[in-house]
């Protein structure tokens, strides 16, 4: 069985109880060392095989996970805001069972760290989760400019490297900085 586990927003203790238990039971862990806090690996049992997928291709990751799952081993794939759809598609094609254990989203962690709320009476009752177009495009109907025109609270992922352009798009969409 393969378990995709949400690894939280980065802090070692911001993983669900279910996710932590799965890591403790794992025979094999395949994690993205460039994204997932390596402190999570301390939860694994002795003898657990650990692979850092940061430099692995999709095919290489699948070459580890599929034979292990077919051999009855528990494979845990900690991820954050990850592109796991392509992996699930391959598993579906191969008839390999998997499950997804959701994690603590970074947007929840950010609100908690800032002591902030995303919805306030008479201010905003809608939260939009999105990101700027970058290496991966977004549909035009979901451009930052168009989403900003709603006047809703926006939580933007993967956009910190494009702050100037992000500000331009938000303002063009109707955001009025105070």
Foldseek 3Di string as FASTA:
>chain_A
DEEEAAQAPADNPQGDPVRLVLQCQAQEEEEAPVGHHCVSNVSYDPNRHYHHCVPPDLVRVCVVPVVCQVVVGYYYYHDAPDPCVVVVVVCVVVVGDYYYHYGHHVVVVVCVVVVHDQDDPPQADDEAEEEAADPHGDPPCPHLLNVLLVNGHYDYPPHPVPVVVSVVSNVNSPDDDD
